[in-house]
N, C-alpha and C. Protein backbone atom coordinates (compact mmCIF):
# COMPACT_ATOMS: atom_id res chain seq x y z
N MET A 1 70.03 26.28 124.15
CA MET A 1 70.78 25.72 125.38
C MET A 1 71.35 26.73 125.98
N LYS A 2 71.05 27.18 127.25
CA LYS A 2 71.75 28.09 128.07
C LYS A 2 72.99 27.48 128.61
N THR A 3 74.04 28.49 128.34
CA THR A 3 75.32 28.09 128.83
C THR A 3 76.09 29.31 129.85
N HIS A 4 76.90 28.71 130.43
CA HIS A 4 77.60 29.71 131.67
C HIS A 4 79.01 29.08 131.71
N VAL A 5 80.03 29.89 131.06
CA VAL A 5 81.42 29.25 131.09
C VAL A 5 82.35 29.84 132.13
N ILE A 6 82.81 29.08 132.67
CA ILE A 6 84.10 29.15 133.76
C ILE A 6 85.38 28.70 133.59
N VAL A 7 86.39 29.61 133.39
CA VAL A 7 87.48 28.94 133.13
C VAL A 7 88.32 28.79 134.46
N GLN A 8 88.97 27.83 134.74
CA GLN A 8 89.64 27.45 135.98
C GLN A 8 90.89 26.57 135.75
N ASP A 9 91.76 26.63 136.44
CA ASP A 9 92.88 25.52 136.48
C ASP A 9 92.67 24.59 137.70
N LEU A 10 92.18 23.58 137.43
CA LEU A 10 91.63 22.52 138.50
C LEU A 10 92.95 22.11 139.26
N SER A 11 94.08 22.23 138.62
CA SER A 11 95.18 22.03 139.38
C SER A 11 95.47 22.79 140.71
N LYS A 12 94.80 23.82 140.54
CA LYS A 12 95.07 24.95 141.61
C LYS A 12 94.09 24.84 142.83
N LEU A 13 92.94 23.95 142.56
CA LEU A 13 92.12 23.81 143.46
C LEU A 13 92.49 22.62 144.24
N THR A 14 92.62 22.76 145.61
CA THR A 14 92.87 21.74 146.59
C THR A 14 92.10 21.39 147.64
N THR A 15 91.11 22.17 147.87
CA THR A 15 90.27 21.97 148.88
C THR A 15 88.76 22.09 148.62
N PHE A 16 87.87 21.60 149.33
CA PHE A 16 86.55 21.64 149.28
C PHE A 16 86.17 23.05 149.16
N ALA A 17 86.65 23.77 150.06
CA ALA A 17 86.37 25.17 150.07
C ALA A 17 86.53 25.91 148.67
N ASP A 18 87.69 25.49 148.02
CA ASP A 18 88.00 26.10 146.63
C ASP A 18 86.90 25.64 145.67
N TYR A 19 86.45 24.55 145.69
CA TYR A 19 85.06 23.90 144.61
C TYR A 19 83.69 24.64 145.28
N LYS A 20 83.72 24.76 146.28
CA LYS A 20 82.42 25.44 146.94
C LYS A 20 82.43 26.94 146.43
N GLU A 21 83.45 27.46 146.24
CA GLU A 21 83.56 28.99 145.68
C GLU A 21 83.48 28.75 144.28
N LEU A 22 83.85 27.64 143.78
CA LEU A 22 83.69 27.60 141.96
C LEU A 22 82.27 27.46 141.85
N ALA A 23 81.43 26.68 142.69
CA ALA A 23 80.20 26.27 142.42
C ALA A 23 79.28 27.48 142.67
N ASP A 24 79.59 28.28 143.45
CA ASP A 24 78.80 29.43 143.81
C ASP A 24 78.89 30.51 142.64
N LYS A 25 79.78 30.31 141.88
CA LYS A 25 79.96 31.24 140.45
C LYS A 25 78.68 31.07 139.59
N ILE A 26 78.17 29.54 139.83
CA ILE A 26 77.10 29.29 138.77
C ILE A 26 75.90 29.94 139.28
N PRO A 27 75.20 30.56 138.37
CA PRO A 27 73.86 31.21 138.67
C PRO A 27 72.89 30.44 139.33
N ALA A 28 72.17 30.92 140.26
CA ALA A 28 71.20 30.26 140.93
C ALA A 28 70.06 29.59 140.27
N ASP A 29 69.89 30.32 139.17
CA ASP A 29 68.75 29.66 138.19
C ASP A 29 69.26 28.92 136.98
N PHE A 30 70.48 28.47 137.23
CA PHE A 30 71.06 27.53 136.24
C PHE A 30 70.77 26.11 136.48
N ASP A 31 70.03 25.32 135.51
CA ASP A 31 69.76 24.09 135.77
C ASP A 31 70.75 23.06 135.56
N ILE A 32 71.25 22.39 136.50
CA ILE A 32 72.33 21.40 136.38
C ILE A 32 71.75 19.93 136.25
N ALA A 33 71.57 19.50 134.85
CA ALA A 33 71.27 18.09 134.78
C ALA A 33 72.10 17.05 134.76
N LEU A 34 73.29 17.37 134.28
CA LEU A 34 74.30 16.45 134.04
C LEU A 34 75.58 16.83 134.41
N LEU A 35 76.47 16.32 135.36
CA LEU A 35 77.62 16.45 135.74
C LEU A 35 78.62 15.56 135.23
N LEU A 36 79.60 15.82 134.48
CA LEU A 36 80.83 15.15 133.70
C LEU A 36 82.07 15.68 134.38
N CYS A 37 82.74 14.70 135.06
CA CYS A 37 84.06 14.79 135.59
C CYS A 37 84.90 14.18 134.79
N ASN A 38 85.61 14.99 133.84
CA ASN A 38 86.43 14.30 132.70
C ASN A 38 87.66 14.78 132.80
N ALA A 39 88.09 15.88 133.63
CA ALA A 39 89.30 16.39 133.63
C ALA A 39 90.35 15.36 134.15
N GLY A 40 91.76 15.13 133.65
CA GLY A 40 92.66 14.25 133.99
C GLY A 40 94.17 14.84 133.67
N VAL A 41 95.02 14.28 134.48
CA VAL A 41 96.33 14.73 134.07
C VAL A 41 97.32 13.29 134.12
N SER A 42 98.05 13.15 133.21
CA SER A 42 98.72 11.85 133.22
C SER A 42 100.36 12.22 132.96
N GLN A 43 101.23 11.44 133.50
CA GLN A 43 102.54 11.69 133.33
C GLN A 43 103.34 10.37 133.45
N PHE A 44 104.00 9.80 132.34
CA PHE A 44 104.54 8.63 132.33
C PHE A 44 106.21 8.98 132.92
N GLY A 45 106.63 7.74 133.34
CA GLY A 45 107.92 7.51 133.96
C GLY A 45 107.98 7.08 135.10
N GLY A 46 109.37 6.38 135.59
CA GLY A 46 109.61 6.03 136.90
C GLY A 46 108.99 6.84 137.96
N PHE A 47 108.79 6.03 138.96
CA PHE A 47 108.15 7.13 140.25
C PHE A 47 109.17 8.03 140.56
N MET A 48 110.36 7.66 140.78
CA MET A 48 111.28 8.57 141.37
C MET A 48 112.05 9.57 140.60
N GLN A 49 111.58 9.60 139.08
CA GLN A 49 112.37 10.24 138.06
C GLN A 49 111.39 11.13 137.36
N ALA A 50 110.14 10.58 137.26
CA ALA A 50 109.21 11.23 136.18
C ALA A 50 108.38 12.40 136.29
N TYR A 51 108.19 12.80 137.72
CA TYR A 51 107.34 13.52 138.19
C TYR A 51 107.31 14.94 138.21
N GLU A 52 108.60 15.42 137.58
CA GLU A 52 109.14 16.68 137.81
C GLU A 52 108.28 17.79 137.06
N LYS A 53 107.80 17.37 135.85
CA LYS A 53 107.06 18.40 135.13
C LYS A 53 105.76 18.43 135.56
N THR A 54 104.80 17.33 135.78
CA THR A 54 103.42 17.65 136.29
C THR A 54 103.28 17.61 137.71
N GLY A 55 104.05 16.80 138.24
CA GLY A 55 104.11 16.81 139.79
C GLY A 55 103.01 15.96 140.40
N ASP A 56 103.47 15.24 141.52
CA ASP A 56 102.48 14.39 142.18
C ASP A 56 101.09 15.05 142.80
N GLU A 57 101.31 16.18 143.09
CA GLU A 57 100.12 17.00 143.60
C GLU A 57 99.22 17.09 142.45
N ASP A 58 99.64 17.57 141.13
CA ASP A 58 98.74 17.85 140.13
C ASP A 58 97.93 16.44 139.55
N GLN A 59 98.52 15.42 139.72
CA GLN A 59 97.75 14.17 139.49
C GLN A 59 96.85 13.80 140.16
N ILE A 60 97.14 13.80 141.62
CA ILE A 60 96.25 13.57 142.86
C ILE A 60 95.26 14.40 142.90
N ASN A 61 95.38 15.77 142.73
CA ASN A 61 94.37 16.89 142.77
C ASN A 61 93.22 16.71 141.67
N VAL A 62 93.80 16.66 140.43
CA VAL A 62 92.92 16.70 139.18
C VAL A 62 92.13 15.47 139.15
N ASN A 63 93.00 14.04 139.03
CA ASN A 63 92.36 12.87 138.91
C ASN A 63 91.56 12.31 140.08
N SER A 64 91.61 12.70 141.30
CA SER A 64 91.02 12.07 142.38
C SER A 64 90.36 13.17 143.16
N LEU A 65 90.77 14.28 143.66
CA LEU A 65 90.09 15.18 144.54
C LEU A 65 89.29 16.03 143.86
N HIS A 66 89.43 16.30 142.28
CA HIS A 66 88.49 16.96 141.69
C HIS A 66 87.21 16.41 141.47
N PRO A 67 86.98 15.06 141.20
CA PRO A 67 85.72 14.61 141.00
C PRO A 67 85.00 14.55 142.58
N VAL A 68 85.78 14.19 143.45
CA VAL A 68 85.13 14.05 144.93
C VAL A 68 84.58 15.40 145.20
N TYR A 69 85.37 16.55 145.00
CA TYR A 69 85.02 17.85 145.61
C TYR A 69 83.87 18.49 144.59
N LEU A 70 83.89 18.37 143.40
CA LEU A 70 82.88 18.58 142.60
C LEU A 70 81.76 18.17 142.58
N ASN A 71 81.51 16.84 143.04
CA ASN A 71 80.41 15.98 143.21
C ASN A 71 79.63 16.61 144.31
N LYS A 72 80.62 16.78 145.36
CA LYS A 72 80.33 17.08 146.70
C LYS A 72 79.55 18.74 146.58
N ALA A 73 80.14 19.52 145.73
CA ALA A 73 79.80 20.88 145.68
C ALA A 73 78.61 21.17 144.99
N LEU A 74 78.28 20.23 143.94
CA LEU A 74 76.97 20.42 143.19
C LEU A 74 75.92 19.40 143.56
N LEU A 75 76.03 18.35 144.16
CA LEU A 75 75.15 17.34 144.54
C LEU A 75 73.86 17.97 145.17
N PRO A 76 74.14 19.04 146.07
CA PRO A 76 72.79 19.74 146.85
C PRO A 76 71.70 20.34 145.82
N ARG A 77 72.41 20.97 144.71
CA ARG A 77 71.68 21.64 143.83
C ARG A 77 70.92 20.56 142.95
N MET A 78 71.67 19.36 142.39
CA MET A 78 71.16 18.34 141.73
C MET A 78 69.90 17.77 142.25
N LEU A 79 69.93 17.70 143.58
CA LEU A 79 69.01 16.86 144.35
C LEU A 79 67.70 17.49 144.54
N GLN A 80 67.77 19.00 144.28
CA GLN A 80 66.60 19.60 144.39
C GLN A 80 65.77 19.42 143.10
N ARG A 81 66.29 19.14 142.10
CA ARG A 81 65.56 18.98 140.76
C ARG A 81 64.74 17.89 140.92
N SER A 82 63.58 18.12 140.20
CA SER A 82 62.34 17.22 140.38
C SER A 82 62.70 16.36 139.26
N GLN A 83 63.31 16.44 138.09
CA GLN A 83 63.63 15.74 137.06
C GLN A 83 64.84 14.85 137.28
N LYS A 84 65.09 13.86 136.53
CA LYS A 84 66.13 12.73 136.67
C LYS A 84 67.52 13.62 136.30
N SER A 85 68.63 13.23 136.90
CA SER A 85 69.72 13.90 136.92
C SER A 85 70.94 12.70 136.86
N GLY A 86 72.15 13.12 136.21
CA GLY A 86 73.14 12.23 135.91
C GLY A 86 74.63 12.77 136.46
N ILE A 87 75.24 11.89 136.84
CA ILE A 87 76.60 12.23 137.19
C ILE A 87 77.49 11.15 136.34
N ILE A 88 78.47 11.59 135.68
CA ILE A 88 79.55 10.61 135.02
C ILE A 88 80.86 11.02 135.52
N ASN A 89 81.57 9.98 136.46
CA ASN A 89 83.03 10.17 136.81
C ASN A 89 83.73 9.48 135.83
N VAL A 90 84.57 9.99 135.11
CA VAL A 90 85.58 9.39 134.07
C VAL A 90 86.73 8.70 134.87
N SER A 91 86.90 7.30 134.86
CA SER A 91 87.95 6.62 135.23
C SER A 91 88.98 6.29 134.14
N SER A 92 89.25 4.97 134.32
CA SER A 92 90.07 4.50 132.89
C SER A 92 90.31 2.94 133.03
N VAL A 93 90.44 2.20 132.14
CA VAL A 93 90.80 0.78 132.22
C VAL A 93 92.22 0.63 133.01
N ALA A 94 92.88 1.62 133.31
CA ALA A 94 94.16 1.68 134.02
C ALA A 94 93.96 1.21 135.35
N HIS A 95 92.88 1.40 135.88
CA HIS A 95 92.51 1.17 137.51
C HIS A 95 92.45 -0.52 137.49
N LEU A 96 92.52 -1.22 136.34
CA LEU A 96 92.62 -2.63 136.28
C LEU A 96 93.95 -3.12 136.40
N THR A 97 94.99 -2.43 136.02
CA THR A 97 96.25 -3.18 136.11
C THR A 97 97.38 -2.15 136.46
N PRO A 98 98.00 -2.49 137.62
CA PRO A 98 99.20 -1.46 138.12
C PRO A 98 100.29 -1.59 137.12
N VAL A 99 100.49 -0.53 136.30
CA VAL A 99 101.53 -0.38 135.21
C VAL A 99 102.87 0.24 135.84
N PRO A 100 103.80 -0.41 135.90
CA PRO A 100 105.28 0.35 136.21
C PRO A 100 105.37 1.75 135.04
N GLY A 101 105.55 2.90 135.88
CA GLY A 101 105.69 3.98 134.97
C GLY A 101 104.49 4.83 135.04
N LEU A 102 103.62 4.30 135.54
CA LEU A 102 101.98 5.16 135.53
C LEU A 102 101.45 4.82 137.07
N ALA A 103 102.30 4.92 137.96
CA ALA A 103 101.99 4.41 139.34
C ALA A 103 100.79 5.57 139.85
N LEU A 104 101.27 6.70 139.83
CA LEU A 104 100.14 7.74 140.64
C LEU A 104 98.90 7.67 139.55
N TYR A 105 99.00 7.72 138.33
CA TYR A 105 97.77 7.66 137.36
C TYR A 105 96.90 6.47 137.78
N ASP A 106 97.56 5.29 137.66
CA ASP A 106 96.68 4.01 137.93
C ASP A 106 96.17 4.22 139.32
N ALA A 107 96.94 4.40 140.25
CA ALA A 107 96.33 4.58 141.65
C ALA A 107 95.10 5.70 141.65
N SER A 108 95.05 6.84 140.96
CA SER A 108 94.36 7.62 141.04
C SER A 108 92.79 7.17 140.60
N LYS A 109 92.86 6.41 139.48
CA LYS A 109 91.71 5.75 138.81
C LYS A 109 91.22 4.66 139.69
N VAL A 110 92.02 4.00 140.57
CA VAL A 110 91.44 3.12 141.47
C VAL A 110 90.63 3.87 142.57
N PHE A 111 91.10 5.07 142.72
CA PHE A 111 90.32 5.70 143.84
C PHE A 111 88.91 6.23 143.31
N ILE A 112 89.05 6.64 142.13
CA ILE A 112 87.63 6.87 141.35
C ILE A 112 86.85 5.79 141.34
N ASN A 113 87.22 4.69 140.81
CA ASN A 113 86.54 3.45 140.79
C ASN A 113 85.83 3.11 142.21
N TYR A 114 86.63 3.13 143.45
CA TYR A 114 85.84 3.00 144.49
C TYR A 114 84.82 4.12 145.08
N PHE A 115 85.29 5.04 144.91
CA PHE A 115 84.64 6.34 145.22
C PHE A 115 83.10 6.43 144.48
N THR A 116 83.23 6.12 143.12
CA THR A 116 82.19 6.26 142.44
C THR A 116 80.93 5.31 142.70
N GLN A 117 81.52 3.96 142.86
CA GLN A 117 80.52 2.79 143.31
C GLN A 117 79.96 2.95 144.50
N ALA A 118 80.75 3.28 145.44
CA ALA A 118 80.20 3.69 146.78
C ALA A 118 78.98 4.70 146.84
N VAL A 119 79.36 5.82 146.30
CA VAL A 119 78.49 6.95 146.21
C VAL A 119 77.33 6.52 145.47
N ALA A 120 77.43 6.02 144.34
CA ALA A 120 76.22 5.45 143.52
C ALA A 120 75.24 4.49 144.17
N PHE A 121 76.01 3.74 145.03
CA PHE A 121 75.11 2.77 145.83
C PHE A 121 74.32 3.58 146.89
N GLU A 122 74.88 4.66 147.48
CA GLU A 122 74.30 5.37 148.58
C GLU A 122 73.05 6.37 147.85
N LEU A 123 73.34 6.84 146.65
CA LEU A 123 72.26 7.65 145.98
C LEU A 123 71.15 6.80 145.64
N LYS A 124 71.35 5.58 145.36
CA LYS A 124 70.16 4.57 144.80
C LYS A 124 69.50 4.22 146.17
N ALA A 125 70.13 3.67 147.25
CA ALA A 125 69.60 3.53 148.45
C ALA A 125 68.67 4.49 149.14
N ASP A 126 69.18 5.69 148.93
CA ASP A 126 68.29 6.91 149.63
C ASP A 126 67.22 7.55 148.62
N GLY A 127 67.01 6.62 147.57
CA GLY A 127 66.02 6.93 146.69
C GLY A 127 66.02 8.37 145.87
N THR A 128 67.05 8.75 145.57
CA THR A 128 67.18 9.86 144.84
C THR A 128 66.93 9.68 143.44
N ASN A 129 66.96 10.97 142.81
CA ASN A 129 66.46 10.92 141.27
C ASN A 129 67.86 11.21 140.57
N ILE A 130 68.97 10.67 141.15
CA ILE A 130 70.42 10.76 140.43
C ILE A 130 70.88 9.66 140.15
N ASP A 131 71.46 9.23 138.66
CA ASP A 131 72.12 8.29 138.49
C ASP A 131 73.51 8.67 138.39
N MET A 132 74.35 7.78 139.17
CA MET A 132 75.70 8.07 138.98
C MET A 132 76.38 6.83 138.46
N MET A 133 77.31 7.33 137.55
CA MET A 133 78.00 5.99 136.55
C MET A 133 79.53 6.36 136.60
N GLU A 134 80.30 5.26 136.65
CA GLU A 134 81.91 5.48 136.37
C GLU A 134 81.97 5.00 134.94
N TYR A 135 82.65 5.91 134.19
CA TYR A 135 82.91 5.48 132.74
C TYR A 135 84.35 5.21 132.68
N SER A 136 84.87 3.96 132.40
CA SER A 136 86.21 3.44 132.46
C SER A 136 86.50 2.98 131.11
N PRO A 137 86.94 3.98 130.13
CA PRO A 137 87.32 3.60 128.82
C PRO A 137 88.83 3.09 128.56
N SER A 138 89.19 2.67 127.60
CA SER A 138 90.58 2.40 127.12
C SER A 138 91.09 3.69 126.50
N LEU A 139 91.85 3.51 125.19
CA LEU A 139 92.27 4.69 124.66
C LEU A 139 91.24 5.45 124.03
N VAL A 140 91.25 6.81 124.17
CA VAL A 140 90.38 7.71 123.55
C VAL A 140 91.33 9.05 122.91
N TYR A 141 91.03 9.21 121.67
CA TYR A 141 91.94 10.18 121.14
C TYR A 141 91.66 11.80 121.73
N THR A 142 92.28 12.09 122.58
CA THR A 142 92.45 13.20 123.22
C THR A 142 93.86 14.05 123.19
N LYS A 143 94.02 15.13 123.88
CA LYS A 143 95.35 15.64 124.22
C LYS A 143 96.02 14.86 125.12
N LEU A 144 95.42 14.15 126.14
CA LEU A 144 95.87 13.51 127.07
C LEU A 144 96.62 12.32 126.46
N SER A 145 96.19 11.59 125.55
CA SER A 145 96.68 10.29 124.91
C SER A 145 97.67 10.54 123.82
N LEU A 146 99.04 10.00 124.24
CA LEU A 146 100.25 10.28 123.41
C LEU A 146 100.16 9.16 122.34
N LEU A 147 99.49 8.01 122.83
CA LEU A 147 99.56 6.87 121.55
C LEU A 147 98.38 7.05 120.60
N ARG A 148 98.53 6.63 119.32
CA ARG A 148 97.40 6.91 118.19
C ARG A 148 97.45 5.55 117.53
N GLY A 149 96.20 5.54 116.86
CA GLY A 149 96.09 4.39 116.16
C GLY A 149 95.78 3.19 116.90
N GLY A 150 95.65 2.22 116.20
CA GLY A 150 95.17 0.69 116.90
C GLY A 150 93.78 0.52 116.94
N PHE A 151 93.59 -0.94 116.89
CA PHE A 151 92.01 -1.24 116.92
C PHE A 151 91.27 -0.97 118.16
N PHE A 152 91.76 -0.57 119.37
CA PHE A 152 91.07 -0.42 120.67
C PHE A 152 90.71 1.25 120.66
N ALA A 153 91.43 2.05 119.61
CA ALA A 153 91.06 3.41 120.00
C ALA A 153 89.89 3.94 119.48
N ILE A 154 89.47 4.86 120.42
CA ILE A 154 87.92 5.45 119.76
C ILE A 154 88.17 6.88 119.74
N SER A 155 87.16 7.64 119.09
CA SER A 155 87.25 9.08 119.14
C SER A 155 86.59 9.60 120.41
N ALA A 156 86.76 10.79 120.78
CA ALA A 156 85.89 11.34 121.75
C ALA A 156 84.53 11.64 121.70
N GLU A 157 84.00 11.68 120.66
CA GLU A 157 82.58 11.87 120.09
C GLU A 157 82.11 10.35 120.41
N GLU A 158 82.54 9.22 120.14
CA GLU A 158 82.05 7.94 120.15
C GLU A 158 82.06 7.59 121.85
N ALA A 159 83.03 8.20 122.41
CA ALA A 159 83.25 7.72 123.87
C ALA A 159 82.05 8.57 124.61
N ALA A 160 81.99 9.99 124.18
CA ALA A 160 80.58 10.69 124.81
C ALA A 160 79.41 9.92 124.57
N CYS A 161 79.13 9.69 123.40
CA CYS A 161 77.80 9.02 122.79
C CYS A 161 77.64 7.77 123.84
N GLN A 162 78.70 6.80 123.84
CA GLN A 162 78.33 5.55 124.56
C GLN A 162 78.16 5.78 126.08
N SER A 163 79.01 6.80 126.61
CA SER A 163 78.71 6.88 127.98
C SER A 163 77.34 7.36 128.41
N LEU A 164 76.82 8.26 127.56
CA LEU A 164 75.45 8.89 127.84
C LEU A 164 74.40 7.72 127.61
N ASP A 165 74.64 6.82 126.35
CA ASP A 165 73.84 5.67 126.42
C ASP A 165 73.81 4.56 127.58
N ASP A 166 74.65 4.60 128.27
CA ASP A 166 74.71 3.73 129.21
C ASP A 166 74.37 4.28 130.69
N LEU A 167 74.46 5.56 130.78
CA LEU A 167 73.95 6.38 131.95
C LEU A 167 72.48 6.00 132.42
N GLY A 168 72.30 5.48 133.47
CA GLY A 168 70.89 5.11 134.05
C GLY A 168 70.52 3.71 133.83
N ASN A 169 71.42 3.07 133.03
CA ASN A 169 71.44 1.39 132.96
C ASN A 169 72.63 0.58 133.90
N THR A 170 73.53 1.40 134.19
CA THR A 170 74.44 0.60 135.09
C THR A 170 75.21 1.73 135.73
N THR A 171 76.22 1.19 136.71
CA THR A 171 76.87 2.44 137.53
C THR A 171 78.37 2.43 137.05
N TYR A 172 78.54 1.29 136.14
CA TYR A 172 80.02 1.11 135.74
C TYR A 172 79.87 0.62 134.25
N THR A 173 80.58 1.02 133.36
CA THR A 173 80.71 0.88 131.91
C THR A 173 82.15 1.20 131.55
N ASN A 174 82.57 0.35 130.52
CA ASN A 174 83.86 0.39 129.77
C ASN A 174 83.53 1.14 128.19
N GLY A 175 82.23 1.39 128.08
CA GLY A 175 81.73 2.09 126.73
C GLY A 175 81.65 0.92 125.94
N PRO A 176 82.08 1.25 124.42
CA PRO A 176 81.90 0.37 123.38
C PRO A 176 82.37 -1.06 123.64
N LEU A 177 82.00 -1.99 122.75
CA LEU A 177 82.39 -3.48 122.78
C LEU A 177 83.86 -3.81 123.23
N LYS A 178 84.60 -2.85 122.15
CA LYS A 178 85.86 -3.05 121.92
C LYS A 178 86.78 -2.83 123.22
N HIS A 179 86.20 -1.81 124.01
CA HIS A 179 86.83 -1.35 125.35
C HIS A 179 86.36 -2.37 126.34
N ALA A 180 85.26 -2.97 126.24
CA ALA A 180 84.82 -3.95 127.26
C ALA A 180 85.74 -5.30 126.96
N VAL A 181 86.20 -5.57 125.80
CA VAL A 181 87.06 -6.80 125.55
C VAL A 181 88.33 -6.34 125.97
N ARG A 182 88.81 -5.03 125.86
CA ARG A 182 90.16 -4.80 126.21
C ARG A 182 90.30 -4.86 127.92
N ALA A 183 89.10 -4.41 128.30
CA ALA A 183 89.07 -4.46 129.90
C ALA A 183 89.19 -5.79 130.45
N TRP A 184 88.60 -6.91 129.84
CA TRP A 184 88.47 -8.16 130.18
C TRP A 184 89.81 -8.72 130.02
N MET A 185 90.72 -8.43 128.77
CA MET A 185 91.89 -8.83 128.59
C MET A 185 92.91 -8.47 129.89
N MET A 186 92.52 -7.18 130.16
CA MET A 186 93.46 -6.59 131.33
C MET A 186 93.29 -7.45 132.56
N ARG A 187 92.09 -7.67 132.76
CA ARG A 187 91.72 -8.36 134.18
C ARG A 187 92.49 -9.95 133.93
N THR A 188 92.38 -10.49 132.66
CA THR A 188 92.97 -11.97 132.62
C THR A 188 94.24 -12.10 132.63
N MET A 189 94.88 -11.03 131.70
CA MET A 189 96.31 -11.18 131.42
C MET A 189 97.00 -9.92 132.04
N ILE A 190 96.95 -9.67 133.23
CA ILE A 190 97.31 -8.71 133.87
C ILE A 190 98.82 -8.41 133.79
N TYR A 191 99.67 -9.57 134.09
CA TYR A 191 101.18 -9.34 133.98
C TYR A 191 101.49 -9.20 132.46
N TYR A 192 100.87 -9.71 131.58
CA TYR A 192 101.20 -9.43 130.05
C TYR A 192 100.99 -8.10 129.92
N PHE A 193 100.05 -7.34 130.12
CA PHE A 193 99.62 -5.85 130.08
C PHE A 193 100.46 -4.98 130.85
N GLN A 194 101.06 -5.25 131.98
CA GLN A 194 102.00 -4.55 132.74
C GLN A 194 103.19 -4.48 131.87
N ALA A 195 103.72 -5.30 131.31
CA ALA A 195 104.85 -5.22 130.41
C ALA A 195 104.74 -4.74 129.13
N SER A 196 103.77 -4.95 128.56
CA SER A 196 103.37 -4.22 127.14
C SER A 196 102.91 -2.85 127.14
N ILE A 197 102.19 -2.50 128.09
CA ILE A 197 101.93 -1.01 128.07
C ILE A 197 103.01 -0.21 128.66
N PHE A 198 103.73 -0.89 129.58
CA PHE A 198 105.07 0.03 129.80
C PHE A 198 106.01 -0.01 128.65
N LYS A 199 106.13 -0.84 127.93
CA LYS A 199 106.88 -0.66 126.62
C LYS A 199 106.53 0.36 125.80
N SER A 200 105.14 0.12 125.50
CA SER A 200 104.63 1.19 124.50
C SER A 200 104.74 2.55 124.76
N GLN A 201 104.36 2.87 126.18
CA GLN A 201 104.29 4.18 126.71
C GLN A 201 105.74 4.64 126.81
N HIS A 202 106.59 3.85 127.07
CA HIS A 202 107.90 4.14 127.19
C HIS A 202 108.49 4.72 125.70
N LYS A 203 108.10 4.08 124.52
CA LYS A 203 108.49 4.24 123.16
C LYS A 203 107.74 5.47 122.95
N ALA A 204 106.60 5.68 123.17
CA ALA A 204 105.87 6.96 122.92
C ALA A 204 106.22 8.30 123.66
N ASN A 205 107.04 8.13 124.83
CA ASN A 205 107.41 9.23 125.56
C ASN A 205 108.95 9.18 125.75
N LYS A 206 109.58 8.76 124.56
CA LYS A 206 111.07 8.45 124.83
C LYS A 206 111.67 10.03 124.59
N ASP A 207 111.11 10.86 124.39
CA ASP A 207 111.55 12.18 124.18
C ASP A 207 111.54 13.03 125.50
N PHE A 208 110.70 12.58 126.31
CA PHE A 208 110.27 13.12 127.58
C PHE A 208 111.37 12.70 128.69
N PHE A 209 111.53 11.50 128.77
CA PHE A 209 112.24 11.04 129.80
C PHE A 209 113.40 10.01 129.30
N THR A 210 114.32 9.84 130.16
CA THR A 210 115.52 8.84 130.00
C THR A 210 115.67 8.29 131.00
N PHE A 211 115.50 6.66 130.80
CA PHE A 211 115.67 5.77 131.75
C PHE A 211 117.04 5.41 131.98
N GLN A 212 117.45 5.12 133.20
CA GLN A 212 118.61 4.53 133.26
C GLN A 212 118.55 3.07 133.78
């Protein structure tokens, strides 16, 4: 498999011109069959107290603007392919429930939900050979996740395999069955999840922030 590595701090890229410059670093003969926008930043805490470390701008730039600009910068090259191509924008079940303490993170995932569904419809309506899908998982074991264990948690490998299996069959997926169940529970018991997620996140982050 041919590879080309570009190391970049995505929180420093704030305009489409920045991403266009990044995309231009990819060799012209490099075949881009799949685009996975998986970068994310999360910070827990009250809106007025908790964003001193990561910053409001970092969460908005990485979680929301990054997929938009990277999609826009690479789509022209992917449209030139004669073979099927795919784009996966990673969201989160967090877009289903506005949780106190995760205001910007939740809002950024709602943004990805609307953006991906709209563009996926456009690509299909235009008759392109690109399948776009939003992958909206629950807890996955990554460096971003501070919580560990529990029935609903899955490995990064399982998340990757499930999202690839669903690509081309739908424009939205929660991945494995237990994440789909989790999403259904969050939709139907929204106020319960607001309180329970806030308490569990608060406990996991007790060393980071002090709430008055």
